[in-house]
C-alpha atoms as a PDB file:
ATOM      1  CA  MET A   1     -20.411   4.660   5.575  1.00  0.00           C
ATOM      2  CA  LYS A   2     -21.008   6.184   8.985  1.00  0.00           C
ATOM      3  CA  ASP A   3     -19.271   8.582  11.341  1.00  0.00           C
ATOM      4  CA  LEU A   4     -16.789   7.035  13.745  1.00  0.00           C
ATOM      5  CA  ASP A   5     -17.968   6.441  17.285  1.00  0.00           C
ATOM      6  CA  PRO A   6     -16.107   5.948  19.620  1.00  0.00           C
ATOM      7  CA  PRO A   7     -13.006   8.008  18.701  1.00  0.00           C
ATOM      8  CA  LEU A   8     -10.509   6.000  16.706  1.00  0.00           C
ATOM      9  CA  THR A   9      -7.197   4.794  18.142  1.00  0.00           C
ATOM     10  CA  PRO A  10      -4.400   2.862  16.384  1.00  0.00           C
ATOM     11  CA  LYS A  11      -5.399  -0.400  18.114  1.00  0.00           C
ATOM     12  CA  LEU A  12      -9.076   0.060  17.241  1.00  0.00           C
ATOM     13  CA  LEU A  13      -7.992   0.767  13.673  1.00  0.00           C
ATOM     14  CA  LEU A  14      -6.316  -2.656  13.526  1.00  0.00           C
ATOM     15  CA  HIS A  15      -9.565  -4.287  14.620  1.00  0.00           C
ATOM     16  CA  ALA A  16     -11.345  -2.412  11.827  1.00  0.00           C
ATOM     17  CA  TYR A  17      -8.930  -3.703   9.192  1.00  0.00           C
ATOM     18  CA  ALA A  18      -9.340  -7.240  10.494  1.00  0.00           C
ATOM     19  CA  SER A  19     -13.103  -6.771  10.029  1.00  0.00           C
ATOM     20  CA  GLY A  20     -12.700  -5.530   6.446  1.00  0.00           C
ATOM     21  CA  ILE A  21     -13.403  -1.813   6.931  1.00  0.00           C
ATOM     22  CA  PHE A  22     -11.229   1.301   6.933  1.00  0.00           C
ATOM     23  CA  PRO A  23     -11.627   5.033   7.731  1.00  0.00           C
ATOM     24  CA  MET A  24     -11.609   8.077   5.469  1.00  0.00           C
ATOM     25  CA  ALA A  25     -12.145  11.815   5.883  1.00  0.00           C
ATOM     26  CA  GLU A  26     -13.824  14.296   3.576  1.00  0.00           C
ATOM     27  CA  SER A  27     -10.796  16.574   3.328  1.00  0.00           C
ATOM     28  CA  ARG A  28      -7.375  17.385   4.760  1.00  0.00           C
ATOM     29  CA  GLY A  29      -8.791  19.627   7.475  1.00  0.00           C
ATOM     30  CA  ASP A  30     -11.891  17.569   8.243  1.00  0.00           C
ATOM     31  CA  PRO A  31     -11.961  16.714  11.991  1.00  0.00           C
ATOM     32  CA  GLY A  32     -14.380  13.824  11.399  1.00  0.00           C
ATOM     33  CA  MET A  33     -13.969  10.395   9.806  1.00  0.00           C
ATOM     34  CA  PHE A  34     -16.247   7.644   8.553  1.00  0.00           C
ATOM     35  CA  TRP A  35     -16.015   3.907   7.992  1.00  0.00           C
ATOM     36  CA  VAL A  36     -15.858   2.564   4.450  1.00  0.00           C
ATOM     37  CA  ASP A  37     -16.878  -0.960   3.434  1.00  0.00           C
ATOM     38  CA  PRO A  38     -16.837  -1.101  -0.402  1.00  0.00           C
ATOM     39  CA  ARG A  39     -19.269  -3.434  -2.136  1.00  0.00           C
ATOM     40  CA  MET A  40     -16.501  -4.192  -4.662  1.00  0.00           C
ATOM     41  CA  ARG A  41     -12.932  -4.359  -3.373  1.00  0.00           C
ATOM     42  CA  GLY A  42      -9.735  -3.700  -5.297  1.00  0.00           C
ATOM     43  CA  VAL A  43      -6.915  -6.232  -4.935  1.00  0.00           C
ATOM     44  CA  LEU A  44      -3.490  -6.425  -6.512  1.00  0.00           C
ATOM     45  CA  PRO A  45      -2.401 -10.034  -7.145  1.00  0.00           C
ATOM     46  CA  ILE A  46       0.865 -10.594  -5.325  1.00  0.00           C
ATOM     47  CA  ASP A  47       1.912 -13.196  -7.901  1.00  0.00           C
ATOM     48  CA  GLY A  48       0.498 -11.362 -10.920  1.00  0.00           C
ATOM     49  CA  PHE A  49       1.948  -7.839 -10.960  1.00  0.00           C
ATOM     50  CA  HIS A  50       2.111  -6.499 -14.536  1.00  0.00           C
ATOM     51  CA  ILE A  51       5.354  -4.784 -15.496  1.00  0.00           C
ATOM     52  CA  SER A  52       5.213  -2.957 -18.812  1.00  0.00           C
ATOM     53  CA  ARG A  53       8.184  -2.934 -21.179  1.00  0.00           C
ATOM     54  CA  SER A  54       8.849   0.740 -20.424  1.00  0.00           C
ATOM     55  CA  LEU A  55       8.820   0.126 -16.660  1.00  0.00           C
ATOM     56  CA  ALA A  56      11.067  -2.919 -17.125  1.00  0.00           C
ATOM     57  CA  ARG A  57      13.562  -0.751 -19.017  1.00  0.00           C
ATOM     58  CA  ARG A  58      13.536   1.741 -16.156  1.00  0.00           C
ATOM     59  CA  MET A  59      14.125  -1.017 -13.621  1.00  0.00           C
ATOM     60  CA  ARG A  60      17.039  -2.405 -15.639  1.00  0.00           C
ATOM     61  CA  LYS A  61      18.514   1.090 -15.913  1.00  0.00           C
ATOM     62  CA  GLY A  62      18.657   1.221 -12.134  1.00  0.00           C
ATOM     63  CA  ASP A  63      18.796   5.007 -11.808  1.00  0.00           C
ATOM     64  CA  TYR A  64      16.943   4.915  -8.483  1.00  0.00           C
ATOM     65  CA  ARG A  65      17.002   3.147  -5.141  1.00  0.00           C
ATOM     66  CA  VAL A  66      14.241   1.820  -2.921  1.00  0.00           C
ATOM     67  CA  SER A  67      13.944   1.676   0.848  1.00  0.00           C
ATOM     68  CA  LEU A  68      11.542   0.312   3.440  1.00  0.00           C
ATOM     69  CA  ASN A  69      10.330   2.602   6.235  1.00  0.00           C
ATOM     70  CA  GLU A  70      13.152   5.071   5.682  1.00  0.00           C
ATOM     71  CA  ASP A  71      10.758   8.028   5.490  1.00  0.00           C
ATOM     72  CA  PHE A  72       7.260   6.926   6.496  1.00  0.00           C
ATOM     73  CA  VAL A  73       6.251  10.448   7.555  1.00  0.00           C
ATOM     74  CA  GLY A  74       7.473  11.895   4.258  1.00  0.00           C
ATOM     75  CA  VAL A  75       5.528   9.363   2.178  1.00  0.00           C
ATOM     76  CA  VAL A  76       2.251   9.971   4.038  1.00  0.00           C
ATOM     77  CA  ALA A  77       2.711  13.732   3.799  1.00  0.00           C
ATOM     78  CA  ALA A  78       3.395  13.495   0.055  1.00  0.00           C
ATOM     79  CA  CYS A  79       0.303  11.324  -0.453  1.00  0.00           C
ATOM     80  CA  ALA A  80      -1.799  13.923   1.387  1.00  0.00           C
ATOM     81  CA  GLU A  81      -0.381  16.856  -0.591  1.00  0.00           C
ATOM     82  CA  ARG A  82      -3.233  17.078  -3.092  1.00  0.00           C
ATOM     83  CA  ALA A  83      -6.104  19.481  -3.689  1.00  0.00           C
ATOM     84  CA  ASP A  84      -8.580  16.681  -2.984  1.00  0.00           C
ATOM     85  CA  THR A  85      -7.493  14.192  -0.314  1.00  0.00           C
ATOM     86  CA  TRP A  86      -9.115  11.899   2.238  1.00  0.00           C
ATOM     87  CA  ILE A  87      -5.968  11.916   4.414  1.00  0.00           C
ATOM     88  CA  SER A  88      -6.849  14.338   7.187  1.00  0.00           C
ATOM     89  CA  PHE A  89      -4.389  15.485   9.827  1.00  0.00           C
ATOM     90  CA  GLU A  90      -6.108  13.126  12.292  1.00  0.00           C
ATOM     91  CA  ILE A  91      -5.724  10.161   9.921  1.00  0.00           C
ATOM     92  CA  GLU A  92      -2.088  11.074   9.348  1.00  0.00           C
ATOM     93  CA  ALA A  93      -1.509  10.991  13.117  1.00  0.00           C
ATOM     94  CA  LEU A  94      -3.313   7.652  13.477  1.00  0.00           C
ATOM     95  CA  TYR A  95      -1.158   5.963  10.860  1.00  0.00           C
ATOM     96  CA  SER A  96       1.969   7.379  12.453  1.00  0.00           C
ATOM     97  CA  GLY A  97       0.772   5.627  15.592  1.00  0.00           C
ATOM     98  CA  LEU A  98       0.341   2.383  13.648  1.00  0.00           C
ATOM     99  CA  HIS A  99       3.844   2.850  12.257  1.00  0.00           C
ATOM    100  CA  ASP A 100       5.189   3.178  15.803  1.00  0.00           C
ATOM    101  CA  LEU A 101       3.388  -0.067  16.672  1.00  0.00           C
ATOM    102  CA  GLY A 102       5.053  -1.819  13.709  1.00  0.00           C
ATOM    103  CA  HIS A 103       1.901  -2.241  11.608  1.00  0.00           C
ATOM    104  CA  ALA A 104       2.144   0.645   9.100  1.00  0.00           C
ATOM    105  CA  HIS A 105       4.926   0.651   6.528  1.00  0.00           C
ATOM    106  CA  SER A 106       6.179   2.657   3.586  1.00  0.00           C
ATOM    107  CA  MET A 107       8.155   1.823   0.463  1.00  0.00           C
ATOM    108  CA  GLU A 108      10.189   4.740  -0.838  1.00  0.00           C
ATOM    109  CA  VAL A 109      11.728   5.376  -4.254  1.00  0.00           C
ATOM    110  CA  TRP A 110      14.657   7.787  -4.346  1.00  0.00           C
ATOM    111  CA  GLU A 111      16.431   9.607  -7.158  1.00  0.00           C
ATOM    112  CA  GLY A 112      19.559  10.806  -5.443  1.00  0.00           C
ATOM    113  CA  ASN A 113      18.327  12.509  -2.283  1.00  0.00           C
ATOM    114  CA  VAL A 114      14.902  13.271  -3.767  1.00  0.00           C
ATOM    115  CA  LEU A 115      11.858  11.249  -2.690  1.00  0.00           C
ATOM    116  CA  ALA A 116      10.577  10.367  -6.158  1.00  0.00           C
ATOM    117  CA  GLY A 117       7.603   8.216  -5.170  1.00  0.00           C
ATOM    118  CA  GLY A 118       6.228   5.892  -2.574  1.00  0.00           C
ATOM    119  CA  VAL A 119       3.385   3.878  -1.148  1.00  0.00           C
ATOM    120  CA  TYR A 120       2.254   3.200   2.409  1.00  0.00           C
ATOM    121  CA  GLY A 121      -0.166   0.829   4.055  1.00  0.00           C
ATOM    122  CA  VAL A 122      -0.987  -1.445   6.963  1.00  0.00           C
ATOM    123  CA  ALA A 123       0.284  -4.989   7.531  1.00  0.00           C
ATOM    124  CA  LEU A 124      -1.709  -7.473   9.569  1.00  0.00           C
ATOM    125  CA  GLY A 125      -1.102 -11.222   9.428  1.00  0.00           C
ATOM    126  CA  GLY A 126      -0.539 -12.112   5.783  1.00  0.00           C
ATOM    127  CA  ALA A 127      -2.530  -9.130   4.497  1.00  0.00           C
ATOM    128  CA  PHE A 128      -1.215  -5.768   3.353  1.00  0.00           C
ATOM    129  CA  PHE A 129      -3.739  -2.949   3.065  1.00  0.00           C
ATOM    130  CA  GLY A 130      -2.446  -0.340   0.623  1.00  0.00           C
ATOM    131  CA  GLU A 131      -3.550   3.126   1.685  1.00  0.00           C
ATOM    132  CA  SER A 132      -2.109   5.616  -0.767  1.00  0.00           C
ATOM    133  CA  MET A 133       0.763   6.256  -3.162  1.00  0.00           C
ATOM    134  CA  PHE A 134       2.342   9.200  -4.923  1.00  0.00           C
ATOM    135  CA  SER A 135       4.731  10.094  -7.716  1.00  0.00           C
ATOM    136  CA  ALA A 136       6.935  13.174  -7.607  1.00  0.00           C
ATOM    137  CA  ARG A 137       9.031  11.895 -10.519  1.00  0.00           C
ATOM    138  CA  LYS A 138       8.223   9.700 -13.528  1.00  0.00           C
ATOM    139  CA  ASP A 139       7.297   6.099 -12.589  1.00  0.00           C
ATOM    140  CA  GLY A 140       7.677   6.836  -8.874  1.00  0.00           C
ATOM    141  CA  SER A 141       4.557   5.035  -7.679  1.00  0.00           C
ATOM    142  CA  LYS A 142       4.901   2.196 -10.226  1.00  0.00           C
ATOM    143  CA  LEU A 143       8.416   1.436  -9.059  1.00  0.00           C
ATOM    144  CA  ALA A 144       7.297   1.535  -5.429  1.00  0.00           C
ATOM    145  CA  LEU A 145       4.439  -0.898  -6.114  1.00  0.00           C
ATOM    146  CA  ALA A 146       6.633  -3.236  -8.171  1.00  0.00           C
ATOM    147  CA  HIS A 147       9.209  -3.514  -5.408  1.00  0.00           C
ATOM    148  CA  LEU A 148       6.600  -3.693  -2.638  1.00  0.00           C
ATOM    149  CA  THR A 149       4.641  -6.465  -4.355  1.00  0.00           C
ATOM    150  CA  ASP A 150       7.827  -8.455  -4.900  1.00  0.00           C
ATOM    151  CA  HIS A 151       8.819  -7.968  -1.266  1.00  0.00           C
ATOM    152  CA  LEU A 152       5.392  -8.997   0.046  1.00  0.00           C
ATOM    153  CA  ARG A 153       5.486 -12.153  -2.082  1.00  0.00           C
ATOM    154  CA  ARG A 154       8.923 -13.093  -0.783  1.00  0.00           C
ATOM    155  CA  CYS A 155       7.788 -12.484   2.796  1.00  0.00           C
ATOM    156  CA  GLY A 156       4.797 -14.803   2.415  1.00  0.00           C
ATOM    157  CA  TYR A 157       1.908 -12.359   2.201  1.00  0.00           C
ATOM    158  CA  ALA A 158      -1.278 -13.585   0.529  1.00  0.00           C
ATOM    159  CA  LEU A 159      -3.420 -10.457   0.097  1.00  0.00           C
ATOM    160  CA  PHE A 160      -2.613  -6.989  -1.237  1.00  0.00           C
ATOM    161  CA  ASP A 161      -5.747  -4.916  -0.697  1.00  0.00           C
ATOM    162  CA  THR A 162      -5.938  -1.697  -2.746  1.00  0.00           C
ATOM    163  CA  GLN A 163      -9.408  -0.810  -1.382  1.00  0.00           C
ATOM    164  CA  PHE A 164     -10.602   0.780  -4.618  1.00  0.00           C
ATOM    165  CA  ILE A 165      -9.678   0.279  -8.262  1.00  0.00           C
ATOM    166  CA  THR A 166      -8.262   2.892 -10.645  1.00  0.00           C
ATOM    167  CA  PRO A 167      -7.084   2.731 -14.280  1.00  0.00           C
ATOM    168  CA  HIS A 168      -3.529   3.127 -12.953  1.00  0.00           C
ATOM    169  CA  LEU A 169      -3.889   0.087 -10.686  1.00  0.00           C
ATOM    170  CA  MET A 170      -5.678  -1.916 -13.379  1.00  0.00           C
ATOM    171  CA  SER A 171      -2.711  -1.393 -15.700  1.00  0.00           C
ATOM    172  CA  LEU A 172      -0.564  -3.078 -13.040  1.00  0.00           C
ATOM    173  CA  GLY A 173      -2.842  -6.103 -12.737  1.00  0.00           C
ATOM    174  CA  ALA A 174      -5.327  -5.026 -10.047  1.00  0.00           C
ATOM    175  CA  PHE A 175      -8.954  -6.140 -10.271  1.00  0.00           C
ATOM    176  CA  GLU A 176     -12.174  -6.023  -8.247  1.00  0.00           C
ATOM    177  CA  ILE A 177     -13.800  -8.767  -6.205  1.00  0.00           C
ATOM    178  CA  PRO A 178     -17.158  -8.778  -4.373  1.00  0.00           C
ATOM    179  CA  ARG A 179     -17.237  -8.007  -0.656  1.00  0.00           C
ATOM    180  CA  ARG A 180     -18.023 -11.616   0.287  1.00  0.00           C
ATOM    181  CA  GLU A 181     -15.040 -12.988  -1.643  1.00  0.00           C
ATOM    182  CA  TYR A 182     -12.830 -10.298  -0.153  1.00  0.00           C
ATOM    183  CA  ARG A 183     -13.872 -11.270   3.375  1.00  0.00           C
ATOM    184  CA  THR A 184     -12.957 -14.895   2.633  1.00  0.00           C
ATOM    185  CA  ARG A 185      -9.539 -13.918   1.279  1.00  0.00           C
ATOM    186  CA  LEU A 186      -9.010 -11.597   4.230  1.00  0.00           C
ATOM    187  CA  ARG A 187      -9.837 -14.293   6.775  1.00  0.00           C
ATOM    188  CA  GLU A 188      -7.380 -16.686   5.114  1.00  0.00           C
ATOM    189  CA  ALA A 189      -4.645 -14.046   4.951  1.00  0.00           C
ATOM    190  CA  LEU A 190      -5.058 -13.016   8.588  1.00  0.00           C
ATOM    191  CA  ALA A 191      -4.378 -16.624   9.633  1.00  0.00           C
ATOM    192  CA  ILE A 192      -0.874 -16.399   8.127  1.00  0.00           C
ATOM    193  CA  GLU A 193       1.998 -15.595  10.467  1.00  0.00           C
ATOM    194  CA  THR A 194       4.619 -13.496   8.731  1.00  0.00           C
ATOM    195  CA  SER A 195       6.432 -10.176   8.914  1.00  0.00           C
ATOM    196  CA  ILE A 196       7.437  -7.532   6.413  1.00  0.00           C
ATOM    197  CA  TYR A 197      10.946  -8.004   7.818  1.00  0.00           C
ATOM    198  CA  ARG A 198      11.016 -11.761   7.207  1.00  0.00           C
ATOM    199  CA  GLU A 199      13.177 -11.249   4.120  1.00  0.00           C
ATOM    200  CA  PRO A 200      15.658  -8.447   3.387  1.00  0.00           C
ATOM    201  CA  LEU A 201      14.510  -5.848   0.900  1.00  0.00           C
ATOM    202  CA  SER A 202      15.750  -6.636  -2.600  1.00  0.00           C
ATOM    203  CA  ALA A 203      16.637  -3.177  -3.828  1.00  0.00           C
ATOM    204  CA  GLY A 204      17.783  -4.110  -7.338  1.00  0.00           C
ATOM    205  CA  GLY A 205      15.365  -3.845 -10.232  1.00  0.00           C
ATOM    206  CA  HIS A 206      17.048  -6.730 -12.096  1.00  0.00           C
ATOM    207  CA  SER A 207      16.314  -9.234  -9.333  1.00  0.00           C
ATOM    208  CA  VAL A 208      12.684  -8.096  -9.100  1.00  0.00           C
ATOM    209  CA  LEU A 209      12.265  -8.532 -12.849  1.00  0.00           C
ATOM    210  CA  GLN A 210      13.714 -12.040 -12.732  1.00  0.00           C
ATOM    211  CA  ARG A 211      11.096 -13.036 -10.181  1.00  0.00           C
ATOM    212  CA  THR A 212       8.197 -11.282 -11.940  1.00  0.00           C
ATOM    213  CA  THR A 213       7.001 -13.256 -14.941  1.00  0.00           C
ATOM    214  CA  HIS A 214       3.950 -11.126 -15.790  1.00  0.00           C
ATOM    215  CA  THR A 215       5.783  -8.619 -17.985  1.00  0.00           C
ATOM    216  CA  SER A 216       3.761  -7.213 -20.877  1.00  0.00           C
END
């Protein structure tokens, strides 16, 4: 880790992701940022997402809807709304800039008009770099990740980078790989030409379940 120099811009941030590093801040109000290059990297297998029986029941129930980029600002703000967060106001502004450039995206989960959960990240080539997620209602982030992973697979993405690993992500199939292996996977994914808009978003939980065989 080291402080950023020169000042970060959205385009420079894309170069950083292509090199395998990403920025963080110490707190919401921290004016500074630093580069992070984890020795062990978390990845979520695009073809191996684990859906538990309870989550599958929720998806079959269908008492929610999902959307893509309907409320990017709201998802980032919700992810940052924690006592301890690395999403500073400067980082929030940078990712809004990436969103304007078409490289940062959000998946939203709605219960009626309430934003129940979501996830956002950066897309570059065939790689998606997950930045943060949140749940305001039960299963909010799990539903967002299930639908996002399915959508990325259908659009031809090869790498879903979660940066770090958590028990929550491990329960969904995520695992760690060494930095060298990550760089190899990243290089291969960046060579893929695709778009998050290549396929329409499949909003129904039933169709996602039919395509996801790793249910436990």
